[in-house]
Amino acid sequence: MMANNFFGIDFGTTNTATVGHIYLANQLMEITYGDNGQPIPSVVAIDKQNGQVYTGREAWSKKMELAESCELVTSVKSLLEDENWQHEIHGELWTPVEVAAELFNSIRKLVQTRSKVNFNNAVVAIPIGFSPLKRQKLREAAKKAGINITSFISEPTAAFFANYEDLKSSTNIAVFDWGGGTLDVSILKNQNHRIYELATGGLPEAGDYIDNLLARHIHDIIAKKKGKIIAFDDMSPSAKDMIRVRAEQAKRAFGDDDDFVLSLNNYGNYGVCRLNLDYYWFAAVVRPIVDKAMEHFAQVLEESGVGLANIDRILMVGGSSNLRPLLDKMYEKYGDKIYQPNSTMWNVGKGAALLAKHPGVYRSNQSVGVILSDDSYFELLGKDEKLQGWEKMVNFGVVDTSEEARFVFAGSDDIKKLPDHNNVLSIPGYKFLQERIKLTARVTDDMVFEAQGQSNIHMTEKSKLWEYPSLKCYYEIP
């Protein structure tokens, strides 16, 4: 009998962290799949001349030399909803789905090569507010690479679950997840093995933004030192990539060191450059974005209604959460509430892998129903119902001879606040009082509530779908 293996993927904007629980020599072991202890860069380069594809560390390390000859995609996750992004390269049409599929395929090959096991299923962690369309596109991309996404989990919930043994006695947990692409802040409530998201928020400025910010400041120092003013945006792509790489190295170094020597063998028109940078310069450059991140954290905390006094722990994950200026200020303000695990870059992936091994259940945290002709409320989906595979069929009678049957949806404040045409499902009517409408409601794998109606007069004709993508739920852990 073949033992089951379990995989979790943190498909990040900047890096992708894959973690597996693998049976080796009859022992279940946790394995991280990356390079030199680092997750795989979420970078894809497609050669314009021959169509060759470079992914991950290879694409990242060669991106300076590939910038001219390749279509370089460094944040495909942010492009998944862009229907206009497509490129014909060497006779092949590339869309964000095809690009993301290459990343999934490289991950699958890496796992199979290193561990000699099949990699067919995974739980994938996604940011707060990741739209249903993006979830659908990510599923398509993974499927093209031979990976079935068994479920999605929010990144904050995955991070919490990765540290569950240390945090399980905490009731209110603030998650500060600052990675390469976004800052995601979530206030979680852990009660009776249920994880509720009380408040969430995000910022688009994160590690990539900081690298670009540092690169521009370094460029200005070089220009002033050389006495030759060339705008950063006018430098060649390879030169800009080169200085961004050095900026990232400096950012990492200042986590422990107070000095960093930056060397560039050939920085475009500036030639050989050597700078001595110190921590005080670094702290001054990143101070505005650090202050903005902390202000956003405080705002989400206030919106949750929990209050700082009732927050038990503040869980800090993501590569950018290691910034020393940030940590200094966070510890100064929040003290012993801070919980910073080891290997913060792997935390979300580890949580996703654990949830693949011990799958929980999504349950509804709201009601969804329709308003009947007498203004009473008829509930379709109730609170606490299990969402995976949920479906319900109800027959409604027509009460007049109108040319259409109209279902007005309600159940939560945000549904009520929708414009009239957005919370109504219209089905053609045939003016028969004995007419019945069968309404079929379901929750998709991507957590979208759908409803569709059908008249018994014309069984072959169906209405358009009514979709509610903002379904509120909680996660029930094993």
Protein backbone atom coordinates (compact mmCIF):
# COMPACT_ATOMS: atom_id res chain seq x y z
CA MET A 1 0.00 0.00 0.00
CA MET A 2 1.46 3.36 -1.05
CA ALA A 3 1.80 5.93 1.73
CA ASN A 4 0.22 9.32 1.19
CA ASN A 5 2.39 12.40 0.80
CA PHE A 6 1.10 15.89 1.53
CA PHE A 7 2.10 19.19 -0.07
CA GLY A 8 1.46 22.85 0.61
CA ILE A 9 2.35 25.74 -1.70
CA ASP A 10 2.71 29.40 -0.84
CA PHE A 11 2.47 30.77 -4.39
CA GLY A 12 3.95 34.17 -3.69
CA THR A 13 4.40 37.31 -5.75
CA THR A 14 8.18 37.24 -5.29
CA ASN A 15 8.92 33.70 -4.09
CA THR A 16 7.11 30.38 -4.07
CA ALA A 17 7.59 28.17 -1.03
CA THR A 18 6.71 24.49 -1.40
CA VAL A 19 6.67 22.22 1.64
CA GLY A 20 5.99 18.50 1.69
CA HIS A 21 5.29 15.88 4.34
CA ILE A 22 6.95 12.91 2.67
CA TYR A 23 7.24 9.29 3.69
CA LEU A 24 10.91 8.34 3.43
CA ALA A 25 12.16 5.04 4.87
CA ASN A 26 8.73 4.55 6.47
CA GLN A 27 9.05 7.86 8.30
CA LEU A 28 7.02 10.99 7.64
CA MET A 29 9.39 13.93 7.20
CA GLU A 30 8.83 17.63 6.53
CA ILE A 31 10.87 18.85 3.54
CA THR A 32 11.21 22.33 2.10
CA TYR A 33 11.92 22.63 -1.61
CA GLY A 34 14.14 25.55 -2.53
CA ASP A 35 17.73 26.61 -3.13
CA ASN A 36 20.21 27.12 -0.30
CA GLY A 37 17.41 27.37 2.24
CA GLN A 38 15.51 29.95 0.16
CA PRO A 39 12.13 29.54 -1.60
CA ILE A 40 12.06 29.47 -5.39
CA PRO A 41 11.79 32.92 -7.03
CA SER A 42 8.45 33.38 -8.82
CA VAL A 43 10.19 34.40 -12.03
CA VAL A 44 9.64 33.12 -15.56
CA ALA A 45 11.67 34.14 -18.62
CA ILE A 46 10.66 33.13 -22.17
CA ASP A 47 13.26 33.51 -24.90
CA LYS A 48 11.85 35.57 -27.77
CA GLN A 49 14.03 33.86 -30.38
CA ASN A 50 13.64 30.16 -29.60
CA GLY A 51 10.85 29.93 -27.00
CA GLN A 52 13.09 28.40 -24.32
CA VAL A 53 11.69 28.82 -20.81
CA TYR A 54 13.70 29.63 -17.70
CA THR A 55 12.06 29.50 -14.27
CA GLY A 56 12.81 30.00 -10.61
CA ARG A 57 16.38 30.49 -9.44
CA GLU A 58 17.78 30.05 -12.94
CA ALA A 59 15.59 32.85 -14.31
CA TRP A 60 16.28 35.06 -11.29
CA SER A 61 20.06 34.64 -11.36
CA LYS A 62 20.20 35.21 -15.12
CA LYS A 63 17.59 37.93 -15.32
CA MET A 64 20.20 40.59 -16.06
CA GLU A 65 21.43 38.82 -19.16
CA LEU A 66 17.95 37.55 -20.07
CA ALA A 67 16.28 40.95 -19.80
CA GLU A 68 17.10 41.89 -23.39
CA SER A 69 16.40 38.56 -25.10
CA CYS A 70 13.44 37.29 -23.06
CA GLU A 71 9.96 38.24 -21.97
CA LEU A 72 10.58 38.43 -18.24
CA VAL A 73 7.62 37.92 -15.88
CA THR A 74 8.41 38.55 -12.23
CA SER A 75 4.97 38.64 -10.58
CA VAL A 76 2.57 36.48 -12.55
CA LYS A 77 0.20 36.19 -9.57
CA SER A 78 -0.69 39.85 -9.95
CA LEU A 79 -1.46 39.34 -13.66
CA LEU A 80 -3.95 36.47 -13.35
CA GLU A 81 -6.98 38.76 -13.66
CA ASP A 82 -5.57 40.76 -16.58
CA GLU A 83 -7.40 39.50 -19.67
CA ASN A 84 -5.37 41.85 -21.88
CA TRP A 85 -1.97 40.44 -20.88
CA GLN A 86 -0.91 38.08 -23.64
CA HIS A 87 2.21 37.76 -25.77
CA GLU A 88 2.95 35.72 -28.84
CA ILE A 89 6.48 34.38 -28.42
CA HIS A 90 8.11 32.11 -30.97
CA GLY A 91 4.72 31.21 -32.47
CA GLU A 92 3.06 30.42 -29.14
CA LEU A 93 0.47 32.52 -27.32
CA TRP A 94 1.35 33.12 -23.67
CA THR A 95 -1.21 34.21 -21.07
CA PRO A 96 -0.77 34.51 -17.29
CA VAL A 97 -2.18 30.98 -16.92
CA GLU A 98 0.52 29.53 -19.20
CA VAL A 99 3.23 31.48 -17.36
CA ALA A 100 1.99 30.35 -13.93
CA ALA A 101 1.78 26.77 -15.24
CA GLU A 102 5.52 26.89 -15.96
CA LEU A 103 6.19 27.77 -12.32
CA PHE A 104 3.96 24.96 -11.08
CA ASN A 105 5.65 22.57 -13.49
CA SER A 106 9.12 23.52 -12.26
CA ILE A 107 8.00 22.98 -8.64
CA ARG A 108 6.56 19.57 -9.50
CA LYS A 109 9.75 18.50 -11.26
CA LEU A 110 11.87 19.71 -8.35
CA VAL A 111 9.85 17.66 -5.85
CA GLN A 112 9.89 14.55 -8.02
CA THR A 113 13.62 14.84 -8.70
CA ARG A 114 14.65 15.37 -5.09
CA SER A 115 12.21 13.09 -3.28
CA LYS A 116 11.36 10.54 -6.00
CA VAL A 117 7.64 10.80 -5.18
CA ASN A 118 4.59 11.76 -7.17
CA PHE A 119 3.32 15.29 -6.65
CA ASN A 120 -0.28 15.45 -7.80
CA ASN A 121 -2.22 17.31 -5.09
CA ALA A 122 -1.60 20.38 -2.97
CA VAL A 123 -3.22 22.92 -0.69
CA VAL A 124 -2.38 26.42 -1.92
CA ALA A 125 -2.22 29.47 0.33
CA ILE A 126 -3.56 32.72 -1.14
CA PRO A 127 -3.66 36.33 0.08
CA ILE A 128 -6.66 37.99 1.69
CA GLY A 129 -8.98 39.30 -1.02
CA PHE A 130 -7.69 36.94 -3.73
CA SER A 131 -10.59 37.10 -6.18
CA PRO A 132 -12.57 34.05 -7.38
CA LEU A 133 -11.33 34.68 -10.93
CA LYS A 134 -7.71 34.57 -9.75
CA ARG A 135 -8.45 31.34 -7.87
CA GLN A 136 -9.94 29.86 -11.01
CA LYS A 137 -6.93 30.89 -13.12
CA LEU A 138 -4.53 29.50 -10.53
CA ARG A 139 -6.40 26.17 -10.60
CA GLU A 140 -6.12 26.10 -14.40
CA ALA A 141 -2.40 26.80 -14.24
CA ALA A 142 -1.77 24.09 -11.65
CA LYS A 143 -3.87 21.60 -13.63
CA LYS A 144 -1.78 22.24 -16.75
CA ALA A 145 1.26 21.22 -14.68
CA GLY A 146 -0.45 18.07 -13.39
CA ILE A 147 -1.23 19.41 -9.92
CA ASN A 148 -4.74 19.34 -8.46
CA ILE A 149 -5.41 22.12 -5.96
CA THR A 150 -7.45 20.31 -3.34
CA SER A 151 -8.29 23.52 -1.51
CA PHE A 152 -7.24 27.11 -0.95
CA ILE A 153 -6.42 28.50 2.47
CA SER A 154 -5.84 32.13 3.40
CA GLU A 155 -2.20 32.95 4.07
CA PRO A 156 -2.86 34.26 7.62
CA THR A 157 -4.75 31.08 8.56
CA ALA A 158 -1.95 28.96 7.11
CA ALA A 159 0.65 30.97 9.04
CA PHE A 160 -1.34 30.53 12.25
CA PHE A 161 -1.69 26.79 11.69
CA ALA A 162 2.07 26.44 11.06
CA ASN A 163 2.60 27.75 14.60
CA TYR A 164 -0.47 26.20 16.16
CA GLU A 165 1.36 24.30 18.90
CA ASP A 166 2.79 27.56 20.26
CA LEU A 167 -0.31 29.70 19.65
CA LYS A 168 -3.22 27.35 20.31
CA SER A 169 -3.84 28.84 23.77
CA SER A 170 -4.20 32.32 22.22
CA THR A 171 -7.71 33.54 21.42
CA ASN A 172 -7.08 36.74 19.45
CA ILE A 173 -4.11 36.71 17.09
CA ALA A 174 -2.93 39.49 14.80
CA VAL A 175 -1.07 38.23 11.73
CA PHE A 176 1.41 40.61 10.14
CA ASP A 177 2.39 38.96 6.84
CA TRP A 178 4.81 41.15 4.88
CA GLY A 179 6.25 39.36 1.87
CA GLY A 180 7.62 40.42 -1.48
CA GLY A 181 4.40 41.60 -3.11
CA THR A 182 1.98 42.71 -0.41
CA LEU A 183 1.48 43.38 3.28
CA ASP A 184 -1.49 41.35 4.56
CA VAL A 185 -2.81 42.08 8.03
CA SER A 186 -5.45 39.87 9.62
CA ILE A 187 -7.03 39.75 13.03
CA LEU A 188 -7.96 36.14 13.78
CA LYS A 189 -10.13 34.65 16.49
CA ASN A 190 -9.25 31.12 17.58
CA GLN A 191 -12.22 29.61 19.38
CA ASN A 192 -13.34 25.99 19.72
CA HIS A 193 -11.02 24.90 16.88
CA ARG A 194 -12.53 27.51 14.60
CA ILE A 195 -10.52 30.26 12.93
CA TYR A 196 -12.49 33.45 12.24
CA GLU A 197 -11.09 36.40 10.30
CA LEU A 198 -12.41 39.41 12.20
CA ALA A 199 -10.74 42.08 10.08
CA THR A 200 -8.35 42.11 7.14
CA GLY A 201 -6.45 44.64 5.10
CA GLY A 202 -3.54 44.92 2.73
CA LEU A 203 -0.99 47.21 1.15
CA PRO A 204 0.68 46.75 -2.26
CA GLU A 205 4.06 47.99 -1.00
CA ALA A 206 6.31 45.17 0.18
CA GLY A 207 9.71 43.61 -0.52
CA ASP A 208 9.80 44.34 -4.25
CA TYR A 209 8.81 47.95 -3.63
CA ILE A 210 11.53 48.32 -0.99
CA ASP A 211 14.17 46.84 -3.34
CA ASN A 212 13.21 49.34 -6.04
CA LEU A 213 13.22 52.19 -3.53
CA LEU A 214 16.72 51.27 -2.33
CA ALA A 215 17.95 50.83 -5.90
CA ARG A 216 16.87 54.35 -6.83
CA HIS A 217 18.52 55.85 -3.76
CA ILE A 218 21.74 53.94 -4.47
CA HIS A 219 21.61 55.15 -8.08
CA ASP A 220 21.32 58.76 -6.89
CA ILE A 221 24.36 58.33 -4.65
CA ILE A 222 26.38 56.92 -7.57
CA ALA A 223 25.26 59.72 -9.91
CA LYS A 224 26.26 62.38 -7.38
CA LYS A 225 29.57 60.69 -6.65
CA LYS A 226 30.43 60.32 -10.35
CA GLY A 227 29.28 63.84 -11.20
CA LYS A 228 27.23 62.56 -14.11
CA ILE A 229 23.42 62.80 -13.85
CA ILE A 230 21.54 60.01 -15.67
CA ALA A 231 17.98 59.25 -14.60
CA PHE A 232 17.49 55.78 -13.13
CA ASP A 233 14.70 55.07 -15.64
CA ASP A 234 17.11 55.83 -18.49
CA MET A 235 19.57 53.12 -17.45
CA SER A 236 19.59 49.87 -19.41
CA PRO A 237 17.35 47.01 -18.18
CA SER A 238 20.40 44.92 -17.28
CA ALA A 239 21.90 47.80 -15.25
CA LYS A 240 18.63 48.32 -13.36
CA ASP A 241 18.37 44.61 -12.63
CA MET A 242 21.96 44.58 -11.42
CA ILE A 243 21.42 47.38 -8.92
CA ARG A 244 18.12 45.88 -7.72
CA VAL A 245 19.96 42.63 -6.93
CA ARG A 246 22.60 44.58 -4.97
CA ALA A 247 19.85 46.53 -3.18
CA GLU A 248 18.21 43.28 -2.07
CA GLN A 249 21.57 41.97 -0.83
CA ALA A 250 22.07 45.16 1.17
CA LYS A 251 18.56 44.86 2.65
CA ARG A 252 19.29 41.33 3.85
CA ALA A 253 22.73 42.28 5.20
CA PHE A 254 21.32 45.11 7.31
CA GLY A 255 19.26 42.57 9.20
CA ASP A 256 22.39 41.89 11.30
CA ASP A 257 25.18 44.18 10.09
CA ASP A 258 25.69 47.91 10.38
CA ASP A 259 27.76 48.25 7.20
CA PHE A 260 27.57 46.96 3.64
CA VAL A 261 30.05 47.33 0.79
CA LEU A 262 28.22 47.54 -2.54
CA SER A 263 30.30 46.70 -5.61
CA LEU A 264 29.27 46.95 -9.26
CA ASN A 265 31.77 45.86 -11.90
CA ASN A 266 29.99 47.62 -14.74
CA TYR A 267 27.01 49.78 -13.90
CA GLY A 268 26.23 50.99 -17.41
CA ASN A 269 27.65 54.45 -18.20
CA TYR A 270 28.96 54.74 -14.66
CA GLY A 271 31.33 51.80 -15.03
CA VAL A 272 32.91 50.38 -11.87
CA CYS A 273 31.18 51.54 -8.65
CA ARG A 274 31.94 50.89 -5.00
CA LEU A 275 29.93 52.32 -2.11
CA ASN A 276 30.11 52.00 1.66
CA LEU A 277 26.55 52.01 2.96
CA ASP A 278 25.62 52.12 6.64
CA TYR A 279 22.57 51.04 8.59
CA TYR A 280 21.53 54.59 9.47
CA TRP A 281 21.23 55.43 5.77
CA PHE A 282 19.20 52.25 5.21
CA ALA A 283 16.88 52.94 8.16
CA ALA A 284 16.23 56.48 6.91
CA VAL A 285 15.33 55.26 3.41
CA VAL A 286 12.86 52.60 4.56
CA ARG A 287 11.39 54.61 7.46
CA PRO A 288 8.40 55.98 5.47
CA ILE A 289 7.28 52.54 4.27
CA VAL A 290 7.86 51.01 7.73
CA ASP A 291 5.74 53.77 9.30
CA LYS A 292 3.04 53.20 6.67
CA ALA A 293 3.01 49.45 7.38
CA MET A 294 2.66 50.03 11.11
CA GLU A 295 -0.12 52.58 10.62
CA HIS A 296 -1.98 50.10 8.45
CA PHE A 297 -1.57 47.40 11.08
CA ALA A 298 -3.01 49.73 13.73
CA GLN A 299 -5.92 50.61 11.42
CA VAL A 300 -6.91 46.98 10.82
CA LEU A 301 -6.59 46.28 14.53
CA GLU A 302 -8.99 49.15 15.25
CA GLU A 303 -11.45 47.94 12.60
CA SER A 304 -11.55 44.50 14.23
CA GLY A 305 -13.01 46.00 17.41
CA VAL A 306 -10.83 43.68 19.49
CA GLY A 307 -8.54 46.30 21.00
CA LEU A 308 -4.83 45.95 21.61
CA ALA A 309 -5.32 44.86 25.22
CA ASN A 310 -7.24 41.79 24.02
CA ILE A 311 -4.68 40.74 21.39
CA ASP A 312 -2.78 37.77 22.79
CA ARG A 313 -0.04 37.47 20.16
CA ILE A 314 1.16 39.27 17.03
CA LEU A 315 2.44 36.69 14.54
CA MET A 316 5.01 38.13 12.14
CA VAL A 317 5.76 36.19 8.96
CA GLY A 318 7.03 36.91 5.46
CA GLY A 319 10.51 37.95 4.38
CA SER A 320 9.93 41.68 4.81
CA SER A 321 8.83 41.22 8.43
CA ASN A 322 12.54 40.66 9.18
CA LEU A 323 13.43 44.30 8.44
CA ARG A 324 15.37 45.50 11.47
CA PRO A 325 13.84 49.02 11.48
CA LEU A 326 10.38 47.40 11.52
CA LEU A 327 11.25 44.93 14.29
CA ASP A 328 12.76 47.67 16.43
CA LYS A 329 9.55 49.70 16.24
CA MET A 330 7.22 46.73 16.63
CA TYR A 331 9.01 45.48 19.74
CA GLU A 332 9.11 49.00 21.15
CA LYS A 333 5.35 49.42 20.70
CA TYR A 334 3.99 45.90 21.23
CA GLY A 335 6.68 44.24 23.35
CA ASP A 336 6.12 40.65 24.42
CA LYS A 337 3.01 40.27 22.26
CA ILE A 338 5.32 39.73 19.25
CA TYR A 339 5.76 36.14 18.11
CA GLN A 340 8.35 35.67 15.37
CA PRO A 341 8.88 32.05 14.27
CA ASN A 342 11.98 30.64 12.65
CA SER A 343 12.10 30.50 8.84
CA THR A 344 9.42 33.13 8.33
CA MET A 345 9.66 32.73 4.54
CA TRP A 346 8.55 29.09 4.80
CA ASN A 347 5.82 29.54 7.41
CA VAL A 348 2.82 29.91 5.12
CA GLY A 349 3.93 26.95 2.98
CA LYS A 350 4.41 24.84 6.10
CA GLY A 351 0.92 25.70 7.30
CA ALA A 352 -0.56 24.78 3.93
CA ALA A 353 1.25 21.41 4.02
CA LEU A 354 -0.06 20.70 7.51
CA LEU A 355 -3.57 21.49 6.35
CA ALA A 356 -3.09 19.09 3.44
CA LYS A 357 -2.14 16.44 5.97
CA HIS A 358 -4.93 17.32 8.43
CA PRO A 359 -7.65 18.90 6.28
CA GLY A 360 -10.20 21.05 8.01
CA VAL A 361 -13.60 22.30 6.91
CA TYR A 362 -14.81 25.65 5.62
CA ARG A 363 -18.14 26.63 7.16
CA SER A 364 -20.44 29.53 6.41
CA ASN A 365 -20.28 32.51 8.74
CA GLN A 366 -23.39 34.16 7.28
CA SER A 367 -26.81 33.52 5.81
CA VAL A 368 -27.78 33.82 2.14
CA GLY A 369 -31.39 33.67 1.00
CA VAL A 370 -34.16 35.36 -0.98
CA ILE A 371 -37.00 37.75 -0.19
CA LEU A 372 -40.41 36.20 -0.94
CA SER A 373 -43.43 38.00 -2.35
CA ASP A 374 -44.83 38.62 1.16
CA ASP A 375 -41.50 40.27 2.17
CA SER A 376 -40.51 37.31 4.34
CA TYR A 377 -36.97 35.92 4.21
CA PHE A 378 -36.32 32.39 2.94
CA GLU A 379 -32.88 31.08 3.85
CA LEU A 380 -30.92 29.02 1.36
CA LEU A 381 -27.50 28.82 3.00
CA GLY A 382 -27.41 28.92 6.77
CA LYS A 383 -24.67 29.87 9.17
CA ASP A 384 -22.27 27.06 10.19
CA GLU A 385 -23.11 24.92 7.15
CA LYS A 386 -20.22 23.01 5.59
CA LEU A 387 -19.33 24.73 2.32
CA GLN A 388 -17.34 22.10 0.43
CA GLY A 389 -19.78 20.44 -1.95
CA TRP A 390 -22.77 22.40 -0.64
CA GLU A 391 -25.76 22.45 -3.02
CA LYS A 392 -29.47 23.01 -2.53
CA MET A 393 -32.48 22.84 -4.87
CA VAL A 394 -35.79 24.54 -4.00
CA ASN A 395 -39.02 24.78 -6.01
CA PHE A 396 -40.84 28.12 -5.91
CA GLY A 397 -44.35 28.81 -7.13
CA VAL A 398 -45.22 31.77 -9.37
CA VAL A 399 -47.87 34.05 -7.80
CA ASP A 400 -48.86 36.22 -10.77
CA THR A 401 -48.76 36.35 -14.56
CA SER A 402 -45.59 38.44 -14.91
CA GLU A 403 -43.22 37.95 -17.80
CA GLU A 404 -40.37 37.23 -15.42
CA ALA A 405 -39.73 35.72 -12.01
CA ARG A 406 -37.40 37.86 -9.91
CA PHE A 407 -35.34 36.50 -7.02
CA VAL A 408 -34.10 39.25 -4.70
CA PHE A 409 -31.17 38.02 -2.61
CA ALA A 410 -30.44 39.06 0.97
CA GLY A 411 -28.92 37.71 4.16
CA SER A 412 -26.07 40.10 4.92
CA ASP A 413 -25.50 43.83 4.93
CA ASP A 414 -23.20 43.78 1.91
CA ILE A 415 -25.80 41.94 -0.20
CA LYS A 416 -28.46 44.48 0.81
CA LYS A 417 -26.15 47.33 -0.18
CA LEU A 418 -25.60 45.99 -3.70
CA PRO A 419 -27.18 48.01 -6.53
CA ASP A 420 -30.63 46.66 -7.38
CA HIS A 421 -29.54 44.90 -10.55
CA ASN A 422 -26.68 43.16 -8.72
CA ASN A 423 -28.76 41.36 -6.10
CA VAL A 424 -31.55 40.22 -8.42
CA LEU A 425 -31.78 37.08 -10.54
CA SER A 426 -34.38 37.39 -13.33
CA ILE A 427 -35.86 34.32 -15.02
CA PRO A 428 -38.22 34.59 -18.04
CA GLY A 429 -41.80 33.80 -17.03
CA TYR A 430 -44.61 32.41 -19.15
CA LYS A 431 -47.66 33.97 -17.45
CA PHE A 432 -48.94 30.70 -15.99
CA LEU A 433 -49.97 30.66 -12.34
CA GLN A 434 -49.16 26.94 -12.16
CA GLU A 435 -45.61 27.67 -13.28
CA ARG A 436 -42.83 26.58 -10.93
CA ILE A 437 -39.24 27.79 -10.78
CA LYS A 438 -36.54 25.41 -9.61
CA LEU A 439 -33.72 27.37 -8.02
CA THR A 440 -30.38 25.58 -7.72
CA ALA A 441 -27.85 27.13 -5.34
CA ARG A 442 -24.30 25.90 -4.79
CA VAL A 443 -20.94 26.94 -3.42
CA THR A 444 -18.10 26.38 -5.88
CA ASP A 445 -14.63 25.09 -5.07
CA ASP A 446 -13.50 28.72 -5.21
CA MET A 447 -15.98 29.69 -2.46
CA VAL A 448 -18.39 31.55 -4.74
CA PHE A 449 -22.12 31.30 -3.99
CA GLU A 450 -24.01 30.66 -7.25
CA ALA A 451 -27.72 30.48 -7.97
CA GLN A 452 -29.48 29.52 -11.19
CA GLY A 453 -33.19 29.14 -11.95
CA GLN A 454 -35.23 27.07 -14.38
CA SER A 455 -38.94 27.17 -15.27
CA ASN A 456 -40.91 23.92 -15.48
CA ILE A 457 -42.57 25.33 -18.62
CA HIS A 458 -39.33 25.38 -20.60
CA MET A 459 -36.98 22.88 -19.00
CA THR A 460 -34.20 23.53 -21.51
CA GLU A 461 -33.92 27.26 -20.83
CA LYS A 462 -31.87 28.41 -17.84
CA SER A 463 -31.29 31.84 -16.40
CA LYS A 464 -28.03 33.59 -16.01
CA LEU A 465 -26.05 32.83 -12.87
CA TRP A 466 -26.29 35.05 -9.82
CA GLU A 467 -22.90 35.08 -8.16
CA TYR A 468 -21.84 36.26 -4.72
CA PRO A 469 -18.03 36.13 -4.47
CA SER A 470 -17.75 37.70 -0.99
CA LEU A 471 -19.07 34.76 0.99
CA LYS A 472 -17.94 35.03 4.60
CA CYS A 473 -16.71 31.82 6.17
CA TYR A 474 -14.54 30.42 8.91
CA TYR A 475 -12.14 27.49 8.96
CA GLU A 476 -12.70 24.60 11.32
CA ILE A 477 -9.38 22.91 12.03
CA PRO A 478 -9.05 19.26 13.05
